[in-house]
Each structure stands twice: as structure tokens, then as C-alpha cells.
Amino acid sequence: MREILLSGVPGSGKTMLLKKIIREFKNVIWVTTTRSARALRNLLKNDSIWIIDTHTWAHIKFHPRDIVISNPLNLNEVNLGLSKLLDNMNGECLVILDSLTGLLLYHELRRVIHFLRSAIVKMEEKNASGIFTLVKNAHDIHIETSMYAFFPVVIELLREDNVETKRFVKVVKATEYIEPSFGEIKIIKDDIILPDHIMKYILKVLKS
């Protein structure tokens, strides 16, 4: 299993961490549920990744590597788009689904779990790894617990706003012993810096 659930409140650094991780992969497929492909590409400043847009609700392409899902309520269509791209990938590939929260706004948990199982089976067939994000505290405890239980590795990004904003990372679930499993995150300019052993573990899972 080479899938990671990345959970965190808004502003905790999820997108910055994803931007850092995708630099390590030749092929990246980014499924976006909370912003348009156009907005995401402007944010990432990256023309090489493939984007599956389940947010726009209109079949409008602004980039040759954009796939806009005409009916994002149809999870089968999302899976077909992902399968089509995976079939044409050569070499290592990272799939990002940002975020599960966007899917859970429109679909019950059971349907999302079924979608995830199908997507992960296809990813494993093609030797692709994946990061799936979740907005922490946006769901009831049953949904959040179910999502945490589904994935073999769960990483939480935390944010504390007191006198100054501080960010932390916590390894909630892992496939090996990680010590310490908690540490502070530093943001310097456009870079997010996790404790070295946690960052190495994340990349090890994705590239194993």
C-alpha cells in the first residue's frame, strides 16, 4: 500500500506540502474537487502535471493537460478519467486527490469508500502511489474516523494561532515505528520544512 491520507485544518500547510512532494515525481495526476483546474494551475505554476477537474461543472479546458469532468456527481466518470490517464503513464506516477472533503459534500461515505477502492486498485495495477487530503473537523467524527481507518498511513498537519501562528505535523498511523511522531513545521518563503525523518518517511511510502 502506497497511499497516504493527509489531514489538516485550512491553513495548516497541506497544499504547500503537496507542492513540495510533486517535485519528486516525473508524472503527477492531480484530482481537484475544491478549485478549478485553471485556479490550481495558476497556484502551482506547473504545466507538466495532469489535472482532473471535478469542480468547474462546465466542459471548459484552458490547458491541454486538463480533463474537466462534465458531471462531477458521477464518480464513475471521475474514475474513468483517472484510469485513462494512468493507462498512458510511463514511469513512476503520483496521484493526488485534493480533497476527499469535496467529494463528501455531495456523496455519502459508502459511495466515497467504493470510489476509493476502485481508484486504488487501478493505481496499484499501474504502480502509482497516492495522497488523499481531508479537511480536518469538516466532518462528523464517524466520517473522519472511517477515513482514518481506511488508509494505511495518516499524516495530520496542525495549526495553532496564539501570539503567532505555529504549525505541527503528527504521524497518526504508519506502516513502521516513527519516533518522534510529532514535530514542528517551519515555513520559509515558499518552502515548508517538516522534521527530516517524517519527510523521508512520507517519500519512502510513496516511492516504495
N, C-alpha and C. Protein backbone atom coordinates (compact mmCIF):
# COMPACT_ATOMS: atom_id res chain seq x y z
N MET A 1 0.85 -1.19 0.00
CA MET A 1 0.00 0.00 0.00
C MET A 1 0.88 1.24 0.00
N ARG A 2 0.67 2.10 -1.00
CA ARG A 2 1.47 3.31 -1.11
C ARG A 2 0.57 4.53 -1.13
N GLU A 3 -0.43 4.52 -0.24
CA GLU A 3 -1.37 5.63 -0.17
C GLU A 3 -1.29 6.30 1.20
N ILE A 4 -1.39 7.61 1.18
CA ILE A 4 -1.32 8.41 2.40
C ILE A 4 -2.56 9.30 2.48
N LEU A 5 -3.16 9.37 3.66
CA LEU A 5 -4.19 10.36 3.94
C LEU A 5 -3.50 11.53 4.61
N LEU A 6 -3.65 12.72 4.02
CA LEU A 6 -3.09 13.95 4.57
C LEU A 6 -4.24 14.80 5.08
N SER A 7 -4.32 14.93 6.40
CA SER A 7 -5.44 15.62 7.04
C SER A 7 -4.95 16.90 7.70
N GLY A 8 -5.78 17.93 7.66
CA GLY A 8 -5.39 19.16 8.33
C GLY A 8 -6.45 20.24 8.20
N VAL A 9 -6.45 21.16 9.14
CA VAL A 9 -7.38 22.29 9.07
C VAL A 9 -6.92 23.23 7.96
N PRO A 10 -7.81 24.11 7.47
CA PRO A 10 -7.38 25.10 6.47
C PRO A 10 -6.22 25.95 7.01
N GLY A 11 -5.23 26.16 6.16
CA GLY A 11 -4.09 26.97 6.56
C GLY A 11 -3.00 26.22 7.28
N SER A 12 -3.13 24.90 7.37
CA SER A 12 -2.12 24.12 8.09
C SER A 12 -0.91 23.76 7.23
N GLY A 13 -1.04 23.95 5.91
CA GLY A 13 0.10 23.71 5.03
C GLY A 13 -0.05 22.54 4.08
N LYS A 14 -1.26 22.01 3.91
CA LYS A 14 -1.46 20.84 3.05
C LYS A 14 -1.02 21.10 1.61
N THR A 15 -1.49 22.21 1.04
CA THR A 15 -1.16 22.49 -0.35
C THR A 15 0.33 22.76 -0.53
N MET A 16 0.95 23.46 0.41
CA MET A 16 2.39 23.70 0.32
C MET A 16 3.17 22.39 0.36
N LEU A 17 2.73 21.46 1.19
CA LEU A 17 3.40 20.17 1.27
C LEU A 17 3.22 19.39 -0.03
N LEU A 18 2.02 19.42 -0.60
CA LEU A 18 1.79 18.74 -1.87
C LEU A 18 2.67 19.34 -2.97
N LYS A 19 2.78 20.66 -3.00
CA LYS A 19 3.63 21.32 -4.00
C LYS A 19 5.08 20.85 -3.87
N LYS A 20 5.51 20.63 -2.64
CA LYS A 20 6.89 20.17 -2.42
C LYS A 20 7.06 18.72 -2.87
N ILE A 21 6.09 17.89 -2.56
CA ILE A 21 6.20 16.46 -2.88
C ILE A 21 6.18 16.22 -4.38
N ILE A 22 5.36 16.96 -5.13
CA ILE A 22 5.24 16.67 -6.56
C ILE A 22 6.55 16.93 -7.31
N ARG A 23 7.46 17.68 -6.73
CA ARG A 23 8.76 17.90 -7.38
C ARG A 23 9.57 16.61 -7.46
N GLU A 24 9.20 15.62 -6.64
CA GLU A 24 9.96 14.36 -6.58
C GLU A 24 9.46 13.33 -7.60
N PHE A 25 8.43 13.68 -8.38
CA PHE A 25 7.83 12.71 -9.28
C PHE A 25 7.82 13.20 -10.73
N LYS A 26 8.11 12.28 -11.62
CA LYS A 26 8.09 12.60 -13.05
C LYS A 26 6.67 12.83 -13.53
N ASN A 27 5.75 11.97 -13.12
CA ASN A 27 4.36 12.05 -13.56
C ASN A 27 3.45 12.33 -12.36
N VAL A 28 2.60 13.33 -12.49
CA VAL A 28 1.65 13.67 -11.42
C VAL A 28 0.26 13.86 -12.02
N ILE A 29 -0.72 13.20 -11.41
CA ILE A 29 -2.13 13.41 -11.73
C ILE A 29 -2.78 14.02 -10.50
N TRP A 30 -3.36 15.20 -10.65
CA TRP A 30 -3.97 15.91 -9.52
C TRP A 30 -5.47 15.99 -9.75
N VAL A 31 -6.25 15.30 -8.93
CA VAL A 31 -7.71 15.36 -9.00
C VAL A 31 -8.15 16.46 -8.03
N THR A 32 -8.76 17.50 -8.57
CA THR A 32 -9.17 18.62 -7.72
C THR A 32 -10.69 18.66 -7.57
N THR A 33 -11.14 18.76 -6.33
CA THR A 33 -12.58 18.81 -6.06
C THR A 33 -13.02 20.14 -5.45
N THR A 34 -12.06 20.99 -5.11
CA THR A 34 -12.40 22.22 -4.38
C THR A 34 -11.99 23.50 -5.10
N ARG A 35 -11.26 23.37 -6.21
CA ARG A 35 -10.92 24.54 -7.03
C ARG A 35 -10.82 24.10 -8.48
N SER A 36 -10.96 25.03 -9.40
CA SER A 36 -10.91 24.70 -10.82
C SER A 36 -9.49 24.36 -11.24
N ALA A 37 -9.39 23.66 -12.38
CA ALA A 37 -8.07 23.34 -12.93
C ALA A 37 -7.29 24.61 -13.23
N ARG A 38 -7.98 25.60 -13.72
CA ARG A 38 -7.32 26.88 -14.05
C ARG A 38 -6.73 27.53 -12.80
N ALA A 39 -7.53 27.58 -11.73
CA ALA A 39 -7.05 28.18 -10.47
C ALA A 39 -5.91 27.37 -9.88
N LEU A 40 -6.02 26.04 -9.96
CA LEU A 40 -4.98 25.17 -9.42
C LEU A 40 -3.67 25.34 -10.19
N ARG A 41 -3.77 25.40 -11.51
CA ARG A 41 -2.55 25.53 -12.31
C ARG A 41 -1.87 26.89 -12.05
N ASN A 42 -2.68 27.93 -11.87
CA ASN A 42 -2.12 29.24 -11.52
C ASN A 42 -1.42 29.20 -10.17
N LEU A 43 -1.99 28.43 -9.24
CA LEU A 43 -1.41 28.30 -7.91
C LEU A 43 -0.11 27.51 -7.94
N LEU A 44 -0.09 26.42 -8.70
CA LEU A 44 1.06 25.53 -8.72
C LEU A 44 2.18 26.04 -9.63
N LYS A 45 1.81 26.87 -10.62
CA LYS A 45 2.79 27.33 -11.62
C LYS A 45 3.48 26.14 -12.27
N ASN A 46 2.67 25.18 -12.71
CA ASN A 46 3.21 23.92 -13.23
C ASN A 46 2.40 23.50 -14.45
N ASP A 47 3.08 23.36 -15.60
CA ASP A 47 2.42 22.96 -16.83
C ASP A 47 2.57 21.47 -17.12
N SER A 48 3.37 20.78 -16.33
CA SER A 48 3.67 19.38 -16.66
C SER A 48 2.70 18.39 -16.02
N ILE A 49 2.02 18.79 -14.96
CA ILE A 49 1.11 17.85 -14.30
C ILE A 49 -0.20 17.73 -15.07
N TRP A 50 -0.88 16.62 -14.85
CA TRP A 50 -2.23 16.42 -15.39
C TRP A 50 -3.24 16.77 -14.29
N ILE A 51 -4.30 17.44 -14.66
CA ILE A 51 -5.33 17.84 -13.69
C ILE A 51 -6.69 17.31 -14.13
N ILE A 52 -7.34 16.58 -13.22
CA ILE A 52 -8.73 16.17 -13.41
C ILE A 52 -9.59 17.10 -12.57
N ASP A 53 -10.40 17.89 -13.25
CA ASP A 53 -11.20 18.94 -12.61
C ASP A 53 -12.62 18.44 -12.37
N THR A 54 -12.97 18.23 -11.09
CA THR A 54 -14.35 17.82 -10.75
C THR A 54 -15.10 18.98 -10.10
N HIS A 55 -14.56 20.18 -10.26
CA HIS A 55 -15.11 21.35 -9.57
C HIS A 55 -15.82 22.32 -10.50
N THR A 56 -15.38 22.42 -11.74
CA THR A 56 -15.82 23.51 -12.61
C THR A 56 -17.29 23.41 -13.02
N TRP A 57 -17.79 22.19 -13.21
CA TRP A 57 -19.17 21.97 -13.64
C TRP A 57 -19.44 22.48 -15.05
N ALA A 58 -18.41 22.64 -15.84
CA ALA A 58 -18.60 23.03 -17.24
C ALA A 58 -17.44 22.44 -18.03
N HIS A 59 -17.73 21.97 -19.23
CA HIS A 59 -16.69 21.30 -20.02
C HIS A 59 -15.83 22.35 -20.73
N ILE A 60 -15.03 23.07 -19.95
CA ILE A 60 -14.17 24.12 -20.50
C ILE A 60 -12.73 23.78 -20.15
N LYS A 61 -11.89 23.64 -21.18
CA LYS A 61 -10.48 23.34 -20.97
C LYS A 61 -9.65 24.58 -21.25
N PHE A 62 -8.74 24.89 -20.35
CA PHE A 62 -7.84 26.01 -20.54
C PHE A 62 -6.40 25.55 -20.78
N HIS A 63 -6.17 24.22 -20.69
CA HIS A 63 -4.82 23.69 -20.82
C HIS A 63 -4.92 22.29 -21.42
N PRO A 64 -3.98 21.90 -22.28
CA PRO A 64 -4.08 20.57 -22.90
C PRO A 64 -3.97 19.41 -21.93
N ARG A 65 -3.45 19.64 -20.72
CA ARG A 65 -3.36 18.57 -19.73
C ARG A 65 -4.45 18.68 -18.67
N ASP A 66 -5.52 19.34 -19.00
CA ASP A 66 -6.70 19.40 -18.12
C ASP A 66 -7.76 18.43 -18.63
N ILE A 67 -8.36 17.70 -17.71
CA ILE A 67 -9.55 16.89 -18.02
C ILE A 67 -10.67 17.41 -17.13
N VAL A 68 -11.68 17.99 -17.74
CA VAL A 68 -12.80 18.54 -16.97
C VAL A 68 -13.94 17.54 -16.98
N ILE A 69 -14.33 17.09 -15.80
CA ILE A 69 -15.43 16.13 -15.68
C ILE A 69 -16.75 16.88 -15.84
N SER A 70 -17.51 16.48 -16.84
CA SER A 70 -18.74 17.22 -17.15
C SER A 70 -19.80 17.05 -16.07
N ASN A 71 -19.78 15.91 -15.38
CA ASN A 71 -20.74 15.68 -14.29
C ASN A 71 -19.98 15.16 -13.07
N PRO A 72 -19.47 16.05 -12.22
CA PRO A 72 -18.68 15.62 -11.07
C PRO A 72 -19.46 14.80 -10.05
N LEU A 73 -20.79 14.78 -10.16
CA LEU A 73 -21.57 13.94 -9.26
C LEU A 73 -21.49 12.46 -9.66
N ASN A 74 -20.97 12.21 -10.86
CA ASN A 74 -20.82 10.84 -11.34
C ASN A 74 -19.39 10.38 -11.03
N LEU A 75 -19.23 9.65 -9.94
CA LEU A 75 -17.90 9.20 -9.53
C LEU A 75 -17.31 8.21 -10.51
N ASN A 76 -18.16 7.49 -11.25
CA ASN A 76 -17.64 6.59 -12.28
C ASN A 76 -16.90 7.36 -13.36
N GLU A 77 -17.40 8.54 -13.69
CA GLU A 77 -16.75 9.37 -14.70
C GLU A 77 -15.39 9.86 -14.21
N VAL A 78 -15.32 10.17 -12.92
CA VAL A 78 -14.04 10.58 -12.33
C VAL A 78 -13.04 9.42 -12.41
N ASN A 79 -13.49 8.22 -12.06
CA ASN A 79 -12.62 7.04 -12.11
C ASN A 79 -12.18 6.71 -13.53
N LEU A 80 -13.07 6.91 -14.50
CA LEU A 80 -12.72 6.66 -15.89
C LEU A 80 -11.64 7.63 -16.36
N GLY A 81 -11.76 8.90 -15.95
CA GLY A 81 -10.75 9.89 -16.30
C GLY A 81 -9.40 9.54 -15.71
N LEU A 82 -9.41 9.09 -14.46
CA LEU A 82 -8.17 8.70 -13.80
C LEU A 82 -7.56 7.47 -14.47
N SER A 83 -8.40 6.47 -14.77
CA SER A 83 -7.92 5.24 -15.41
C SER A 83 -7.30 5.54 -16.77
N LYS A 84 -7.93 6.43 -17.53
CA LYS A 84 -7.43 6.79 -18.85
C LYS A 84 -6.03 7.39 -18.76
N LEU A 85 -5.82 8.28 -17.80
CA LEU A 85 -4.50 8.88 -17.64
C LEU A 85 -3.48 7.86 -17.18
N LEU A 86 -3.85 7.04 -16.20
CA LEU A 86 -2.91 6.04 -15.68
C LEU A 86 -2.47 5.07 -16.77
N ASP A 87 -3.37 4.73 -17.67
CA ASP A 87 -3.03 3.80 -18.75
C ASP A 87 -1.97 4.36 -19.68
N ASN A 88 -1.83 5.68 -19.70
CA ASN A 88 -0.89 6.32 -20.62
C ASN A 88 0.37 6.84 -19.94
N MET A 89 0.55 6.50 -18.66
CA MET A 89 1.72 6.97 -17.93
C MET A 89 2.88 5.98 -18.07
N ASN A 90 4.07 6.52 -18.22
CA ASN A 90 5.29 5.72 -18.23
C ASN A 90 6.16 6.16 -17.06
N GLY A 91 6.65 5.19 -16.28
CA GLY A 91 7.47 5.54 -15.13
C GLY A 91 6.62 5.80 -13.90
N GLU A 92 7.28 6.20 -12.81
CA GLU A 92 6.59 6.40 -11.54
C GLU A 92 5.55 7.51 -11.66
N CYS A 93 4.46 7.34 -10.93
CA CYS A 93 3.36 8.30 -11.01
C CYS A 93 2.79 8.53 -9.62
N LEU A 94 2.49 9.78 -9.33
CA LEU A 94 1.83 10.16 -8.08
C LEU A 94 0.45 10.69 -8.39
N VAL A 95 -0.56 10.13 -7.73
CA VAL A 95 -1.93 10.62 -7.84
C VAL A 95 -2.27 11.40 -6.58
N ILE A 96 -2.76 12.62 -6.74
CA ILE A 96 -3.22 13.43 -5.62
C ILE A 96 -4.72 13.64 -5.77
N LEU A 97 -5.47 13.39 -4.72
CA LEU A 97 -6.90 13.73 -4.70
C LEU A 97 -7.10 14.77 -3.61
N ASP A 98 -7.35 15.99 -4.04
CA ASP A 98 -7.47 17.13 -3.13
C ASP A 98 -8.82 17.82 -3.36
N SER A 99 -9.87 17.56 -2.59
CA SER A 99 -9.75 16.73 -1.40
C SER A 99 -10.96 15.80 -1.31
N LEU A 100 -10.84 14.84 -0.40
CA LEU A 100 -11.98 13.96 -0.12
C LEU A 100 -13.15 14.75 0.45
N THR A 101 -12.85 15.83 1.13
CA THR A 101 -13.92 16.67 1.69
C THR A 101 -14.83 17.16 0.58
N GLY A 102 -14.25 17.52 -0.58
CA GLY A 102 -15.07 17.96 -1.70
C GLY A 102 -16.02 16.88 -2.19
N LEU A 103 -15.58 15.62 -2.19
CA LEU A 103 -16.46 14.52 -2.59
C LEU A 103 -17.54 14.27 -1.54
N LEU A 104 -17.15 14.36 -0.28
CA LEU A 104 -18.08 14.05 0.81
C LEU A 104 -19.18 15.12 0.96
N LEU A 105 -19.01 16.25 0.30
CA LEU A 105 -20.08 17.26 0.29
C LEU A 105 -21.29 16.77 -0.50
N TYR A 106 -21.02 15.92 -1.52
CA TYR A 106 -22.07 15.50 -2.45
C TYR A 106 -22.42 14.03 -2.37
N HIS A 107 -21.55 13.24 -1.73
CA HIS A 107 -21.76 11.79 -1.72
C HIS A 107 -21.69 11.25 -0.30
N GLU A 108 -22.49 10.23 -0.03
CA GLU A 108 -22.42 9.59 1.27
C GLU A 108 -21.12 8.81 1.39
N LEU A 109 -20.73 8.53 2.61
CA LEU A 109 -19.46 7.89 2.90
C LEU A 109 -19.29 6.57 2.15
N ARG A 110 -20.33 5.77 2.10
CA ARG A 110 -20.24 4.45 1.46
C ARG A 110 -19.84 4.58 0.00
N ARG A 111 -20.40 5.55 -0.71
CA ARG A 111 -20.07 5.74 -2.13
C ARG A 111 -18.64 6.22 -2.30
N VAL A 112 -18.18 7.08 -1.41
CA VAL A 112 -16.81 7.58 -1.50
C VAL A 112 -15.82 6.44 -1.25
N ILE A 113 -16.12 5.59 -0.27
CA ILE A 113 -15.25 4.44 0.02
C ILE A 113 -15.18 3.52 -1.20
N HIS A 114 -16.33 3.27 -1.83
CA HIS A 114 -16.36 2.43 -3.03
C HIS A 114 -15.52 3.05 -4.14
N PHE A 115 -15.65 4.35 -4.33
CA PHE A 115 -14.84 5.07 -5.33
C PHE A 115 -13.35 4.93 -5.02
N LEU A 116 -12.98 5.09 -3.76
CA LEU A 116 -11.58 4.99 -3.37
C LEU A 116 -11.02 3.60 -3.64
N ARG A 117 -11.79 2.57 -3.30
CA ARG A 117 -11.33 1.20 -3.54
C ARG A 117 -11.04 0.98 -5.03
N SER A 118 -11.94 1.44 -5.89
CA SER A 118 -11.76 1.26 -7.33
C SER A 118 -10.54 2.03 -7.82
N ALA A 119 -10.40 3.26 -7.34
CA ALA A 119 -9.28 4.10 -7.77
C ALA A 119 -7.95 3.49 -7.32
N ILE A 120 -7.89 3.00 -6.09
CA ILE A 120 -6.64 2.46 -5.56
C ILE A 120 -6.26 1.16 -6.24
N VAL A 121 -7.25 0.32 -6.57
CA VAL A 121 -6.96 -0.90 -7.32
C VAL A 121 -6.29 -0.55 -8.65
N LYS A 122 -6.83 0.43 -9.35
CA LYS A 122 -6.26 0.86 -10.63
C LYS A 122 -4.86 1.42 -10.42
N MET A 123 -4.69 2.23 -9.39
CA MET A 123 -3.37 2.81 -9.11
C MET A 123 -2.34 1.72 -8.84
N GLU A 124 -2.73 0.72 -8.06
CA GLU A 124 -1.79 -0.36 -7.74
C GLU A 124 -1.46 -1.20 -8.98
N GLU A 125 -2.43 -1.36 -9.87
CA GLU A 125 -2.16 -2.07 -11.13
C GLU A 125 -1.09 -1.35 -11.93
N LYS A 126 -1.10 -0.02 -11.88
CA LYS A 126 -0.18 0.80 -12.67
C LYS A 126 1.04 1.25 -11.86
N ASN A 127 1.19 0.69 -10.64
CA ASN A 127 2.34 1.00 -9.80
C ASN A 127 2.41 2.49 -9.45
N ALA A 128 1.25 3.09 -9.26
CA ALA A 128 1.17 4.51 -8.88
C ALA A 128 0.92 4.62 -7.38
N SER A 129 1.43 5.69 -6.78
CA SER A 129 1.17 5.97 -5.37
C SER A 129 0.19 7.13 -5.26
N GLY A 130 -0.29 7.39 -4.04
CA GLY A 130 -1.32 8.42 -3.92
C GLY A 130 -1.34 9.14 -2.59
N ILE A 131 -1.73 10.41 -2.66
CA ILE A 131 -2.00 11.22 -1.47
C ILE A 131 -3.44 11.71 -1.58
N PHE A 132 -4.19 11.50 -0.52
CA PHE A 132 -5.59 11.91 -0.48
C PHE A 132 -5.75 12.87 0.69
N THR A 133 -6.28 14.06 0.43
CA THR A 133 -6.37 15.05 1.50
C THR A 133 -7.78 15.10 2.08
N LEU A 134 -7.84 15.53 3.34
CA LEU A 134 -9.11 15.65 4.07
C LEU A 134 -9.02 16.91 4.93
N VAL A 135 -10.06 17.73 4.91
CA VAL A 135 -10.11 18.90 5.78
C VAL A 135 -10.55 18.45 7.16
N LYS A 136 -9.64 18.54 8.11
CA LYS A 136 -9.94 18.08 9.47
C LYS A 136 -11.01 18.95 10.11
N ASN A 137 -11.90 18.31 10.88
CA ASN A 137 -13.00 18.96 11.60
C ASN A 137 -14.12 19.45 10.68
N ALA A 138 -14.05 19.09 9.39
CA ALA A 138 -15.13 19.47 8.47
C ALA A 138 -16.23 18.42 8.42
N HIS A 139 -16.00 17.28 9.09
CA HIS A 139 -16.94 16.16 9.04
C HIS A 139 -17.25 15.69 10.45
N ASP A 140 -18.33 14.91 10.57
CA ASP A 140 -18.62 14.35 11.88
C ASP A 140 -17.58 13.28 12.20
N ILE A 141 -17.49 12.90 13.46
CA ILE A 141 -16.42 12.01 13.92
C ILE A 141 -16.49 10.65 13.25
N HIS A 142 -17.68 10.20 12.89
CA HIS A 142 -17.82 8.89 12.23
C HIS A 142 -17.12 8.90 10.88
N ILE A 143 -17.36 9.95 10.09
CA ILE A 143 -16.74 10.04 8.77
C ILE A 143 -15.23 10.17 8.89
N GLU A 144 -14.78 11.03 9.78
CA GLU A 144 -13.34 11.23 9.94
C GLU A 144 -12.65 9.95 10.40
N THR A 145 -13.26 9.26 11.36
CA THR A 145 -12.68 8.00 11.85
C THR A 145 -12.64 6.95 10.75
N SER A 146 -13.68 6.88 9.94
CA SER A 146 -13.72 5.91 8.84
C SER A 146 -12.63 6.20 7.81
N MET A 147 -12.42 7.47 7.51
CA MET A 147 -11.36 7.84 6.56
C MET A 147 -9.98 7.48 7.13
N TYR A 148 -9.78 7.75 8.40
CA TYR A 148 -8.50 7.42 9.03
C TYR A 148 -8.27 5.91 9.03
N ALA A 149 -9.33 5.15 9.24
CA ALA A 149 -9.20 3.69 9.29
C ALA A 149 -8.92 3.10 7.91
N PHE A 150 -9.38 3.76 6.87
CA PHE A 150 -9.26 3.22 5.52
C PHE A 150 -7.82 3.22 5.01
N PHE A 151 -7.04 4.22 5.41
CA PHE A 151 -5.70 4.39 4.85
C PHE A 151 -4.64 3.79 5.77
N PRO A 152 -3.58 3.21 5.18
CA PRO A 152 -2.52 2.61 6.00
C PRO A 152 -1.62 3.63 6.67
N VAL A 153 -1.54 4.83 6.08
CA VAL A 153 -0.70 5.90 6.63
C VAL A 153 -1.53 7.17 6.71
N VAL A 154 -1.54 7.79 7.89
CA VAL A 154 -2.28 9.04 8.10
C VAL A 154 -1.34 10.07 8.69
N ILE A 155 -1.23 11.19 8.01
CA ILE A 155 -0.41 12.31 8.47
C ILE A 155 -1.34 13.49 8.74
N GLU A 156 -1.21 14.08 9.92
CA GLU A 156 -2.00 15.25 10.26
C GLU A 156 -1.12 16.49 10.29
N LEU A 157 -1.60 17.58 9.70
CA LEU A 157 -0.96 18.88 9.84
C LEU A 157 -1.83 19.72 10.77
N LEU A 158 -1.21 20.32 11.77
CA LEU A 158 -1.93 21.07 12.80
C LEU A 158 -1.52 22.53 12.76
N ARG A 159 -2.42 23.40 13.16
CA ARG A 159 -2.15 24.84 13.19
C ARG A 159 -2.65 25.41 14.51
N GLU A 160 -1.80 26.19 15.16
CA GLU A 160 -2.16 26.87 16.40
C GLU A 160 -1.96 28.37 16.20
N ASP A 161 -3.01 29.14 16.50
CA ASP A 161 -2.94 30.60 16.37
C ASP A 161 -3.06 31.22 17.75
N ASN A 162 -1.94 31.56 18.33
CA ASN A 162 -1.91 32.27 19.60
C ASN A 162 -1.30 33.64 19.35
N VAL A 163 -0.20 33.95 19.97
CA VAL A 163 0.50 35.21 19.68
C VAL A 163 1.04 35.17 18.25
N GLU A 164 1.54 34.00 17.86
CA GLU A 164 2.00 33.79 16.49
C GLU A 164 1.49 32.44 16.01
N THR A 165 1.40 32.29 14.69
CA THR A 165 0.94 31.03 14.12
C THR A 165 2.04 30.00 14.16
N LYS A 166 1.70 28.83 14.69
CA LYS A 166 2.65 27.72 14.68
C LYS A 166 1.98 26.52 14.02
N ARG A 167 2.79 25.75 13.30
CA ARG A 167 2.28 24.58 12.60
C ARG A 167 3.06 23.35 13.04
N PHE A 168 2.35 22.21 13.07
CA PHE A 168 2.98 20.97 13.52
C PHE A 168 2.54 19.83 12.61
N VAL A 169 3.31 18.75 12.62
CA VAL A 169 2.96 17.54 11.88
C VAL A 169 2.91 16.38 12.87
N LYS A 170 1.94 15.50 12.64
CA LYS A 170 1.76 14.34 13.52
C LYS A 170 1.53 13.10 12.66
N VAL A 171 2.32 12.06 12.91
CA VAL A 171 2.10 10.78 12.24
C VAL A 171 1.08 10.00 13.06
N VAL A 172 -0.15 9.93 12.56
CA VAL A 172 -1.24 9.28 13.28
C VAL A 172 -1.20 7.77 13.09
N LYS A 173 -0.94 7.34 11.85
CA LYS A 173 -0.82 5.91 11.50
C LYS A 173 0.38 5.75 10.60
N ALA A 174 1.09 4.64 10.78
CA ALA A 174 2.25 4.39 9.94
C ALA A 174 2.44 2.89 9.76
N THR A 175 3.20 2.53 8.76
CA THR A 175 3.48 1.13 8.49
C THR A 175 4.76 0.67 9.18
N GLU A 176 5.40 1.59 9.89
CA GLU A 176 6.57 1.25 10.69
C GLU A 176 6.63 2.23 11.87
N TYR A 177 7.51 1.93 12.81
CA TYR A 177 7.61 2.76 14.01
C TYR A 177 8.31 4.08 13.67
N ILE A 178 7.65 5.20 13.98
CA ILE A 178 8.20 6.52 13.73
C ILE A 178 8.34 7.25 15.07
N GLU A 179 9.55 7.64 15.40
CA GLU A 179 9.80 8.30 16.68
C GLU A 179 10.84 9.41 16.49
N PRO A 180 10.51 10.65 16.86
CA PRO A 180 9.21 11.08 17.39
C PRO A 180 8.17 11.18 16.28
N SER A 181 6.92 11.00 16.64
CA SER A 181 5.84 11.03 15.65
C SER A 181 5.20 12.41 15.55
N PHE A 182 5.78 13.39 16.24
CA PHE A 182 5.22 14.74 16.30
C PHE A 182 6.37 15.73 16.21
N GLY A 183 6.16 16.80 15.45
CA GLY A 183 7.21 17.81 15.34
C GLY A 183 6.68 19.11 14.77
N GLU A 184 7.48 20.13 14.86
CA GLU A 184 7.07 21.44 14.37
C GLU A 184 7.41 21.59 12.89
N ILE A 185 6.56 22.35 12.20
CA ILE A 185 6.76 22.67 10.79
C ILE A 185 7.26 24.10 10.69
N LYS A 186 8.21 24.32 9.82
CA LYS A 186 8.69 25.67 9.54
C LYS A 186 8.32 26.04 8.11
N ILE A 187 7.84 27.26 7.91
CA ILE A 187 7.58 27.77 6.57
C ILE A 187 8.54 28.93 6.32
N ILE A 188 9.42 28.74 5.33
CA ILE A 188 10.42 29.74 4.99
C ILE A 188 10.21 30.13 3.53
N LYS A 189 9.80 31.36 3.29
CA LYS A 189 9.44 31.83 1.95
C LYS A 189 8.36 30.91 1.38
N ASP A 190 8.69 30.23 0.27
CA ASP A 190 7.69 29.36 -0.35
C ASP A 190 7.93 27.89 -0.05
N ASP A 191 8.72 27.60 0.98
CA ASP A 191 9.06 26.22 1.29
C ASP A 191 8.49 25.82 2.65
N ILE A 192 8.01 24.61 2.73
CA ILE A 192 7.52 24.06 4.00
C ILE A 192 8.50 22.99 4.44
N ILE A 193 8.97 23.08 5.67
CA ILE A 193 10.01 22.18 6.16
C ILE A 193 9.47 21.36 7.32
N LEU A 194 9.36 20.05 7.09
CA LEU A 194 8.94 19.11 8.12
C LEU A 194 10.18 18.52 8.79
N PRO A 195 10.04 17.95 9.99
CA PRO A 195 11.17 17.20 10.55
C PRO A 195 11.68 16.21 9.52
N ASP A 196 13.00 16.14 9.39
CA ASP A 196 13.62 15.38 8.30
C ASP A 196 13.17 13.92 8.27
N HIS A 197 13.06 13.27 9.45
CA HIS A 197 12.72 11.85 9.45
C HIS A 197 11.28 11.60 9.02
N ILE A 198 10.38 12.57 9.26
CA ILE A 198 8.99 12.42 8.83
C ILE A 198 8.87 12.65 7.33
N MET A 199 9.59 13.64 6.83
CA MET A 199 9.57 13.89 5.39
C MET A 199 10.14 12.69 4.64
N LYS A 200 11.22 12.13 5.14
CA LYS A 200 11.82 10.96 4.50
C LYS A 200 10.86 9.77 4.52
N TYR A 201 10.11 9.63 5.61
CA TYR A 201 9.16 8.52 5.70
C TYR A 201 8.04 8.70 4.67
N ILE A 202 7.51 9.92 4.52
CA ILE A 202 6.46 10.18 3.55
C ILE A 202 6.93 9.79 2.15
N LEU A 203 8.13 10.22 1.77
CA LEU A 203 8.65 9.90 0.45
C LEU A 203 8.94 8.40 0.30
N LYS A 204 9.36 7.78 1.39
CA LYS A 204 9.61 6.33 1.35
C LYS A 204 8.33 5.57 1.05
N VAL A 205 7.24 5.96 1.71
CA VAL A 205 5.95 5.31 1.47
C VAL A 205 5.53 5.48 0.02
N LEU A 206 5.66 6.69 -0.50
CA LEU A 206 5.19 6.99 -1.85
C LEU A 206 6.06 6.36 -2.93
N LYS A 207 7.32 6.12 -2.62
CA LYS A 207 8.25 5.62 -3.63
C LYS A 207 8.63 4.15 -3.43
N SER A 208 8.04 3.50 -2.43
CA SER A 208 8.43 2.11 -2.14
C SER A 208 7.98 1.16 -3.23
